[in-house]
Amino acid sequence: MPIEIERKFLVRDDSWCAQVESSSRILQGYLSLDRQLSVRVRLRGDAAFLTLKGGAQGIRRSEFEYPIPPADALAMLDTLAVAPAVDKVRHLIRVGGHLWELDVFAGENAGLVMAEIELKSEGEAFERPDWLGDEVSEDPRYYNASLARYPFRRWR
């Protein structure tokens, strides 16, 4: 079973900008926001995906992702999403032996900048870049599914 082990951090400044390898806009919505199962549809550039994520157990959870036609993803976002779409630009940044995904949110989540790192194990060591701020891995407010329902601008 595919398992995602991910740590999330706030970003303290914009010194990361010079390190960006690539960037893409992501628009994602949720078809289900159940605590034990979220069903997400995501558009990223010209590609689209349907993702099922199990409930979090610390920083790990099951994750299944499947490519779908972009037209289907748009239709799902328009007709089936249970909350407004989360809009963000994802920047990929390599630090040490790891690839960081740094998300700059827009719309109702504007002002939020987070970095994520996927690990092979919960105790895996990684280099902490200077721009990395507080860890929010286990704070459910920062889950993308939560940001769809309760945007950052409403609670910060």
N, C-alpha and C. Protein backbone atom coordinates (compact mmCIF):
# COMPACT_ATOMS: atom_id res chain seq x y z
N MET A 1 0.85 -1.18 0.00
CA MET A 1 0.00 0.00 0.00
C MET A 1 0.89 1.24 0.00
N PRO A 2 0.61 2.19 -0.90
CA PRO A 2 1.41 3.42 -0.92
C PRO A 2 1.19 4.25 0.34
N ILE A 3 2.29 4.64 0.95
CA ILE A 3 2.26 5.45 2.17
C ILE A 3 2.99 6.76 1.89
N GLU A 4 2.39 7.86 2.32
CA GLU A 4 3.02 9.16 2.23
C GLU A 4 3.54 9.52 3.62
N ILE A 5 4.82 9.86 3.69
CA ILE A 5 5.43 10.36 4.93
C ILE A 5 5.91 11.76 4.61
N GLU A 6 5.22 12.74 5.17
CA GLU A 6 5.43 14.13 4.77
C GLU A 6 5.52 15.03 5.99
N ARG A 7 6.45 15.95 5.94
CA ARG A 7 6.54 16.98 6.97
C ARG A 7 6.28 18.33 6.33
N LYS A 8 5.54 19.18 7.04
CA LYS A 8 5.16 20.51 6.54
C LYS A 8 5.71 21.58 7.46
N PHE A 9 6.14 22.69 6.83
CA PHE A 9 6.72 23.79 7.58
C PHE A 9 6.22 25.12 7.00
N LEU A 10 6.09 26.10 7.85
CA LEU A 10 5.87 27.45 7.37
C LEU A 10 7.20 27.95 6.81
N VAL A 11 7.13 28.96 5.96
CA VAL A 11 8.33 29.53 5.35
C VAL A 11 8.52 30.93 5.93
N ARG A 12 9.73 31.21 6.41
CA ARG A 12 9.96 32.45 7.15
C ARG A 12 10.27 33.66 6.29
N ASP A 13 10.82 33.48 5.08
CA ASP A 13 11.14 34.62 4.22
C ASP A 13 11.21 34.16 2.77
N ASP A 14 11.56 35.06 1.87
CA ASP A 14 11.59 34.70 0.45
C ASP A 14 12.99 34.42 -0.09
N SER A 15 13.91 34.08 0.78
CA SER A 15 15.27 33.77 0.33
C SER A 15 15.33 32.48 -0.50
N TRP A 16 14.24 31.72 -0.53
CA TRP A 16 14.15 30.49 -1.33
C TRP A 16 14.04 30.78 -2.83
N CYS A 17 13.62 31.98 -3.19
CA CYS A 17 13.32 32.30 -4.60
C CYS A 17 14.46 31.98 -5.57
N ALA A 18 15.68 32.23 -5.17
CA ALA A 18 16.83 32.00 -6.05
C ALA A 18 17.13 30.52 -6.25
N GLN A 19 16.51 29.64 -5.46
CA GLN A 19 16.80 28.21 -5.53
C GLN A 19 15.77 27.41 -6.33
N VAL A 20 14.76 28.05 -6.87
CA VAL A 20 13.66 27.36 -7.55
C VAL A 20 14.15 26.68 -8.82
N GLU A 21 13.83 25.38 -8.95
CA GLU A 21 14.15 24.62 -10.17
C GLU A 21 13.03 24.71 -11.19
N SER A 22 11.78 24.64 -10.72
CA SER A 22 10.62 24.74 -11.60
C SER A 22 9.41 25.14 -10.78
N SER A 23 8.38 25.63 -11.48
CA SER A 23 7.16 26.08 -10.82
C SER A 23 5.95 25.69 -11.66
N SER A 24 4.81 25.46 -11.00
CA SER A 24 3.57 25.18 -11.71
C SER A 24 2.39 25.58 -10.85
N ARG A 25 1.33 26.00 -11.51
CA ARG A 25 0.11 26.37 -10.80
C ARG A 25 -0.70 25.10 -10.54
N ILE A 26 -1.27 25.03 -9.34
CA ILE A 26 -2.10 23.90 -8.94
C ILE A 26 -3.46 24.43 -8.51
N LEU A 27 -4.49 23.80 -9.01
CA LEU A 27 -5.86 24.08 -8.60
C LEU A 27 -6.42 22.75 -8.14
N GLN A 28 -6.86 22.68 -6.89
CA GLN A 28 -7.35 21.40 -6.38
C GLN A 28 -8.60 21.60 -5.54
N GLY A 29 -9.48 20.63 -5.66
CA GLY A 29 -10.72 20.65 -4.91
C GLY A 29 -10.96 19.28 -4.30
N TYR A 30 -11.90 19.23 -3.39
CA TYR A 30 -12.17 18.01 -2.64
C TYR A 30 -13.58 17.52 -2.90
N LEU A 31 -13.69 16.24 -3.23
CA LEU A 31 -14.98 15.61 -3.47
C LEU A 31 -15.51 15.00 -2.19
N SER A 32 -14.62 14.76 -1.24
CA SER A 32 -14.97 14.26 0.08
C SER A 32 -13.96 14.81 1.07
N LEU A 33 -14.44 15.27 2.21
CA LEU A 33 -13.56 15.82 3.24
C LEU A 33 -13.72 15.07 4.55
N ASP A 34 -14.03 13.80 4.47
CA ASP A 34 -14.15 12.96 5.66
C ASP A 34 -12.80 12.90 6.36
N ARG A 35 -12.82 12.86 7.68
CA ARG A 35 -11.58 12.84 8.47
C ARG A 35 -10.71 11.60 8.18
N GLN A 36 -11.34 10.49 7.83
CA GLN A 36 -10.59 9.26 7.57
C GLN A 36 -10.29 9.03 6.09
N LEU A 37 -10.93 9.84 5.21
CA LEU A 37 -10.68 9.70 3.77
C LEU A 37 -10.99 11.01 3.08
N SER A 38 -9.98 11.57 2.41
CA SER A 38 -10.24 12.73 1.57
C SER A 38 -10.05 12.30 0.12
N VAL A 39 -10.93 12.80 -0.73
CA VAL A 39 -10.86 12.52 -2.16
C VAL A 39 -10.63 13.86 -2.84
N ARG A 40 -9.49 13.96 -3.52
CA ARG A 40 -9.06 15.23 -4.11
C ARG A 40 -8.95 15.10 -5.62
N VAL A 41 -9.33 16.16 -6.32
CA VAL A 41 -9.06 16.27 -7.75
C VAL A 41 -8.12 17.45 -7.92
N ARG A 42 -7.07 17.25 -8.73
CA ARG A 42 -6.03 18.28 -8.87
C ARG A 42 -5.69 18.50 -10.34
N LEU A 43 -5.62 19.77 -10.71
CA LEU A 43 -5.09 20.18 -12.01
C LEU A 43 -3.72 20.79 -11.77
N ARG A 44 -2.72 20.27 -12.49
CA ARG A 44 -1.36 20.80 -12.36
C ARG A 44 -0.80 20.93 -13.77
N GLY A 45 -0.76 22.16 -14.26
CA GLY A 45 -0.35 22.36 -15.65
C GLY A 45 -1.36 21.69 -16.57
N ASP A 46 -0.88 20.84 -17.47
CA ASP A 46 -1.75 20.13 -18.41
C ASP A 46 -2.17 18.76 -17.90
N ALA A 47 -1.84 18.42 -16.68
CA ALA A 47 -2.15 17.10 -16.13
C ALA A 47 -3.19 17.21 -15.02
N ALA A 48 -3.91 16.11 -14.81
CA ALA A 48 -4.92 16.08 -13.75
C ALA A 48 -4.86 14.73 -13.04
N PHE A 49 -5.23 14.75 -11.76
CA PHE A 49 -5.13 13.55 -10.93
C PHE A 49 -6.29 13.46 -9.96
N LEU A 50 -6.69 12.24 -9.67
CA LEU A 50 -7.65 11.95 -8.62
C LEU A 50 -6.86 11.26 -7.52
N THR A 51 -6.96 11.77 -6.29
CA THR A 51 -6.16 11.25 -5.18
C THR A 51 -7.05 10.91 -4.01
N LEU A 52 -6.80 9.74 -3.43
CA LEU A 52 -7.48 9.31 -2.21
C LEU A 52 -6.45 9.25 -1.10
N LYS A 53 -6.72 9.93 0.01
CA LYS A 53 -5.79 9.95 1.14
C LYS A 53 -6.51 9.46 2.39
N GLY A 54 -5.88 8.54 3.09
CA GLY A 54 -6.43 8.04 4.35
C GLY A 54 -6.17 9.01 5.47
N GLY A 55 -6.74 8.74 6.62
CA GLY A 55 -6.55 9.57 7.79
C GLY A 55 -5.10 9.59 8.23
N ALA A 56 -4.65 10.72 8.74
CA ALA A 56 -3.26 10.88 9.17
C ALA A 56 -3.00 10.11 10.45
N GLN A 57 -1.84 9.49 10.50
CA GLN A 57 -1.32 8.85 11.70
C GLN A 57 0.05 9.48 11.93
N GLY A 58 0.05 10.59 12.66
CA GLY A 58 1.28 11.36 12.79
C GLY A 58 1.58 12.03 11.46
N ILE A 59 2.76 11.74 10.89
CA ILE A 59 3.12 12.34 9.60
C ILE A 59 2.98 11.35 8.45
N ARG A 60 2.32 10.23 8.67
CA ARG A 60 2.14 9.24 7.61
C ARG A 60 0.67 8.94 7.38
N ARG A 61 0.37 8.63 6.13
CA ARG A 61 -0.99 8.21 5.77
C ARG A 61 -0.95 7.54 4.41
N SER A 62 -1.97 6.75 4.14
CA SER A 62 -2.03 6.08 2.84
C SER A 62 -2.44 7.10 1.77
N GLU A 63 -1.91 6.90 0.57
CA GLU A 63 -2.21 7.81 -0.54
C GLU A 63 -2.22 7.02 -1.85
N PHE A 64 -3.30 7.18 -2.61
CA PHE A 64 -3.44 6.56 -3.92
C PHE A 64 -3.75 7.66 -4.92
N GLU A 65 -2.98 7.74 -6.00
CA GLU A 65 -3.17 8.81 -6.97
C GLU A 65 -3.24 8.24 -8.38
N TYR A 66 -4.21 8.75 -9.17
CA TYR A 66 -4.45 8.23 -10.52
C TYR A 66 -4.60 9.37 -11.50
N PRO A 67 -3.96 9.28 -12.66
CA PRO A 67 -4.17 10.32 -13.68
C PRO A 67 -5.58 10.24 -14.25
N ILE A 68 -6.17 11.40 -14.53
CA ILE A 68 -7.49 11.48 -15.15
C ILE A 68 -7.44 12.55 -16.24
N PRO A 69 -8.38 12.54 -17.16
CA PRO A 69 -8.40 13.59 -18.19
C PRO A 69 -8.64 14.97 -17.56
N PRO A 70 -7.88 15.98 -17.99
CA PRO A 70 -8.07 17.33 -17.44
C PRO A 70 -9.51 17.84 -17.56
N ALA A 71 -10.19 17.51 -18.65
CA ALA A 71 -11.58 17.95 -18.80
C ALA A 71 -12.46 17.36 -17.71
N ASP A 72 -12.20 16.10 -17.34
CA ASP A 72 -12.95 15.48 -16.24
C ASP A 72 -12.66 16.19 -14.92
N ALA A 73 -11.39 16.53 -14.70
CA ALA A 73 -11.02 17.22 -13.46
C ALA A 73 -11.75 18.57 -13.36
N LEU A 74 -11.79 19.31 -14.46
CA LEU A 74 -12.50 20.60 -14.44
C LEU A 74 -13.98 20.40 -14.14
N ALA A 75 -14.57 19.39 -14.76
CA ALA A 75 -15.99 19.11 -14.51
C ALA A 75 -16.23 18.75 -13.05
N MET A 76 -15.35 17.95 -12.47
CA MET A 76 -15.48 17.58 -11.06
C MET A 76 -15.34 18.79 -10.16
N LEU A 77 -14.36 19.66 -10.46
CA LEU A 77 -14.18 20.88 -9.66
C LEU A 77 -15.42 21.77 -9.74
N ASP A 78 -16.02 21.84 -10.92
CA ASP A 78 -17.19 22.71 -11.11
C ASP A 78 -18.46 22.14 -10.50
N THR A 79 -18.61 20.81 -10.51
CA THR A 79 -19.91 20.24 -10.13
C THR A 79 -19.90 19.38 -8.87
N LEU A 80 -18.76 18.85 -8.47
CA LEU A 80 -18.74 17.89 -7.36
C LEU A 80 -17.96 18.36 -6.13
N ALA A 81 -17.12 19.37 -6.28
CA ALA A 81 -16.29 19.80 -5.15
C ALA A 81 -17.17 20.32 -4.02
N VAL A 82 -16.85 19.91 -2.80
CA VAL A 82 -17.66 20.26 -1.62
C VAL A 82 -17.21 21.56 -0.97
N ALA A 83 -16.11 22.12 -1.44
CA ALA A 83 -15.60 23.38 -0.91
C ALA A 83 -14.89 24.10 -2.04
N PRO A 84 -14.64 25.40 -1.91
CA PRO A 84 -13.91 26.12 -2.96
C PRO A 84 -12.54 25.49 -3.22
N ALA A 85 -12.09 25.61 -4.44
CA ALA A 85 -10.78 25.05 -4.82
C ALA A 85 -9.66 25.80 -4.12
N VAL A 86 -8.60 25.07 -3.83
CA VAL A 86 -7.37 25.65 -3.29
C VAL A 86 -6.49 25.99 -4.49
N ASP A 87 -6.02 27.22 -4.55
CA ASP A 87 -5.23 27.73 -5.66
C ASP A 87 -3.84 28.06 -5.12
N LYS A 88 -2.80 27.53 -5.78
CA LYS A 88 -1.45 27.80 -5.30
C LYS A 88 -0.46 27.61 -6.44
N VAL A 89 0.72 28.17 -6.25
CA VAL A 89 1.84 27.92 -7.16
C VAL A 89 2.85 27.10 -6.38
N ARG A 90 3.23 25.97 -6.97
CA ARG A 90 4.20 25.08 -6.33
C ARG A 90 5.56 25.28 -6.98
N HIS A 91 6.55 25.51 -6.13
CA HIS A 91 7.93 25.68 -6.56
C HIS A 91 8.72 24.47 -6.05
N LEU A 92 9.53 23.88 -6.92
CA LEU A 92 10.38 22.76 -6.53
C LEU A 92 11.78 23.27 -6.26
N ILE A 93 12.32 22.88 -5.10
CA ILE A 93 13.62 23.35 -4.65
C ILE A 93 14.40 22.15 -4.09
N ARG A 94 15.58 21.93 -4.62
CA ARG A 94 16.42 20.84 -4.13
C ARG A 94 17.38 21.37 -3.07
N VAL A 95 17.36 20.71 -1.90
CA VAL A 95 18.26 21.07 -0.80
C VAL A 95 18.86 19.77 -0.30
N GLY A 96 20.19 19.69 -0.39
CA GLY A 96 20.84 18.43 -0.01
C GLY A 96 20.34 17.33 -0.95
N GLY A 97 19.98 16.21 -0.40
CA GLY A 97 19.48 15.10 -1.21
C GLY A 97 17.97 15.04 -1.32
N HIS A 98 17.27 16.10 -0.95
CA HIS A 98 15.80 16.08 -0.95
C HIS A 98 15.22 17.17 -1.85
N LEU A 99 14.04 16.87 -2.37
CA LEU A 99 13.30 17.84 -3.16
C LEU A 99 12.18 18.41 -2.29
N TRP A 100 12.19 19.71 -2.10
CA TRP A 100 11.16 20.41 -1.33
C TRP A 100 10.10 20.92 -2.28
N GLU A 101 8.85 20.88 -1.85
CA GLU A 101 7.74 21.47 -2.56
C GLU A 101 7.30 22.68 -1.75
N LEU A 102 7.48 23.86 -2.31
CA LEU A 102 7.16 25.08 -1.61
C LEU A 102 5.93 25.69 -2.28
N ASP A 103 4.85 25.83 -1.53
CA ASP A 103 3.57 26.30 -2.05
C ASP A 103 3.29 27.73 -1.61
N VAL A 104 3.00 28.59 -2.59
CA VAL A 104 2.58 29.97 -2.34
C VAL A 104 1.09 30.01 -2.69
N PHE A 105 0.27 30.20 -1.69
CA PHE A 105 -1.18 30.12 -1.86
C PHE A 105 -1.74 31.44 -2.35
N ALA A 106 -2.89 31.34 -3.05
CA ALA A 106 -3.59 32.51 -3.59
C ALA A 106 -5.03 32.48 -3.09
N GLY A 107 -5.80 33.47 -3.53
CA GLY A 107 -7.22 33.52 -3.18
C GLY A 107 -7.43 33.67 -1.68
N GLU A 108 -8.35 32.88 -1.13
CA GLU A 108 -8.68 32.96 0.29
C GLU A 108 -7.55 32.48 1.19
N ASN A 109 -6.54 31.83 0.61
CA ASN A 109 -5.39 31.37 1.39
C ASN A 109 -4.14 32.22 1.13
N ALA A 110 -4.33 33.37 0.45
CA ALA A 110 -3.20 34.25 0.16
C ALA A 110 -2.52 34.66 1.46
N GLY A 111 -1.19 34.74 1.38
CA GLY A 111 -0.40 35.09 2.56
C GLY A 111 0.23 33.86 3.19
N LEU A 112 -0.27 32.69 2.85
CA LEU A 112 0.28 31.45 3.39
C LEU A 112 1.34 30.90 2.44
N VAL A 113 2.51 30.60 2.98
CA VAL A 113 3.60 29.98 2.21
C VAL A 113 4.09 28.81 3.05
N MET A 114 4.00 27.61 2.48
CA MET A 114 4.40 26.39 3.20
C MET A 114 5.37 25.57 2.35
N ALA A 115 6.22 24.84 3.02
CA ALA A 115 7.15 23.91 2.37
C ALA A 115 6.89 22.51 2.90
N GLU A 116 6.93 21.55 1.98
CA GLU A 116 6.73 20.14 2.35
C GLU A 116 7.92 19.33 1.87
N ILE A 117 8.21 18.29 2.61
CA ILE A 117 9.24 17.35 2.21
C ILE A 117 8.69 15.94 2.42
N GLU A 118 8.83 15.10 1.40
CA GLU A 118 8.42 13.70 1.54
C GLU A 118 9.64 12.88 1.91
N LEU A 119 9.44 12.00 2.88
CA LEU A 119 10.54 11.19 3.41
C LEU A 119 10.27 9.72 3.20
N LYS A 120 11.33 8.92 3.27
CA LYS A 120 11.20 7.46 3.13
C LYS A 120 10.84 6.81 4.46
N SER A 121 11.19 7.48 5.56
CA SER A 121 10.84 6.97 6.88
C SER A 121 10.62 8.17 7.80
N GLU A 122 9.91 7.96 8.89
CA GLU A 122 9.59 9.05 9.80
C GLU A 122 10.83 9.67 10.44
N GLY A 123 11.87 8.89 10.64
CA GLY A 123 13.07 9.40 11.29
C GLY A 123 14.17 9.82 10.33
N GLU A 124 13.88 9.85 9.04
CA GLU A 124 14.90 10.20 8.05
C GLU A 124 15.43 11.61 8.28
N ALA A 125 16.74 11.75 8.27
CA ALA A 125 17.38 13.06 8.44
C ALA A 125 17.31 13.86 7.14
N PHE A 126 17.24 15.17 7.28
CA PHE A 126 17.25 16.04 6.10
C PHE A 126 17.84 17.38 6.50
N GLU A 127 18.37 18.06 5.48
CA GLU A 127 18.96 19.39 5.71
C GLU A 127 17.84 20.42 5.79
N ARG A 128 17.91 21.27 6.83
CA ARG A 128 16.91 22.33 7.02
C ARG A 128 17.40 23.61 6.38
N PRO A 129 16.74 24.04 5.30
CA PRO A 129 17.15 25.30 4.67
C PRO A 129 16.93 26.50 5.59
N ASP A 130 17.67 27.57 5.37
CA ASP A 130 17.57 28.77 6.21
C ASP A 130 16.19 29.39 6.19
N TRP A 131 15.45 29.24 5.09
CA TRP A 131 14.13 29.86 4.97
C TRP A 131 13.03 29.06 5.66
N LEU A 132 13.36 27.92 6.22
CA LEU A 132 12.36 27.06 6.85
C LEU A 132 11.96 27.62 8.21
N GLY A 133 10.64 27.69 8.45
CA GLY A 133 10.12 28.20 9.71
C GLY A 133 9.59 27.07 10.58
N ASP A 134 8.55 27.36 11.34
CA ASP A 134 7.97 26.40 12.28
C ASP A 134 7.35 25.21 11.58
N GLU A 135 7.47 24.04 12.20
CA GLU A 135 6.83 22.84 11.66
C GLU A 135 5.35 22.84 12.02
N VAL A 136 4.52 22.48 11.03
CA VAL A 136 3.06 22.42 11.21
C VAL A 136 2.51 21.07 10.74
N SER A 137 3.36 20.06 10.68
CA SER A 137 2.98 18.74 10.14
C SER A 137 1.73 18.16 10.80
N GLU A 138 1.60 18.33 12.09
CA GLU A 138 0.48 17.71 12.79
C GLU A 138 -0.60 18.70 13.20
N ASP A 139 -0.56 19.89 12.62
CA ASP A 139 -1.60 20.90 12.86
C ASP A 139 -2.61 20.79 11.72
N PRO A 140 -3.79 20.25 11.96
CA PRO A 140 -4.75 20.00 10.88
C PRO A 140 -5.23 21.26 10.15
N ARG A 141 -5.04 22.43 10.72
CA ARG A 141 -5.44 23.67 10.02
C ARG A 141 -4.66 23.83 8.72
N TYR A 142 -3.46 23.27 8.66
CA TYR A 142 -2.59 23.45 7.50
C TYR A 142 -2.74 22.34 6.45
N TYR A 143 -3.60 21.35 6.68
CA TYR A 143 -3.87 20.36 5.64
C TYR A 143 -4.60 21.07 4.52
N ASN A 144 -4.30 20.75 3.29
CA ASN A 144 -4.96 21.40 2.16
C ASN A 144 -6.47 21.21 2.21
N ALA A 145 -6.91 20.05 2.65
CA ALA A 145 -8.36 19.82 2.77
C ALA A 145 -8.98 20.79 3.77
N SER A 146 -8.28 21.08 4.85
CA SER A 146 -8.77 22.05 5.83
C SER A 146 -8.76 23.46 5.25
N LEU A 147 -7.74 23.78 4.47
CA LEU A 147 -7.64 25.11 3.87
C LEU A 147 -8.77 25.35 2.86
N ALA A 148 -9.30 24.28 2.28
CA ALA A 148 -10.45 24.42 1.37
C ALA A 148 -11.69 24.83 2.16
N ARG A 149 -11.88 24.22 3.32
CA ARG A 149 -13.06 24.51 4.15
C ARG A 149 -12.91 25.76 4.99
N TYR A 150 -11.74 25.92 5.58
CA TYR A 150 -11.47 27.04 6.50
C TYR A 150 -10.21 27.77 6.02
N PRO A 151 -10.36 28.64 5.03
CA PRO A 151 -9.19 29.31 4.45
C PRO A 151 -8.38 30.10 5.47
N PHE A 152 -7.12 30.21 5.18
CA PHE A 152 -6.13 30.88 6.01
C PHE A 152 -6.55 32.30 6.39
N ARG A 153 -7.11 33.05 5.45
CA ARG A 153 -7.50 34.44 5.74
C ARG A 153 -8.55 34.55 6.82
N ARG A 154 -9.31 33.50 7.06
CA ARG A 154 -10.37 33.55 8.08
C ARG A 154 -9.88 33.29 9.49
N TRP A 155 -8.72 32.67 9.66
CA TRP A 155 -8.29 32.30 11.00
C TRP A 155 -6.93 32.82 11.39
N ARG A 156 -6.21 33.44 10.52
CA ARG A 156 -4.87 33.91 10.91
C ARG A 156 -4.92 35.15 11.74
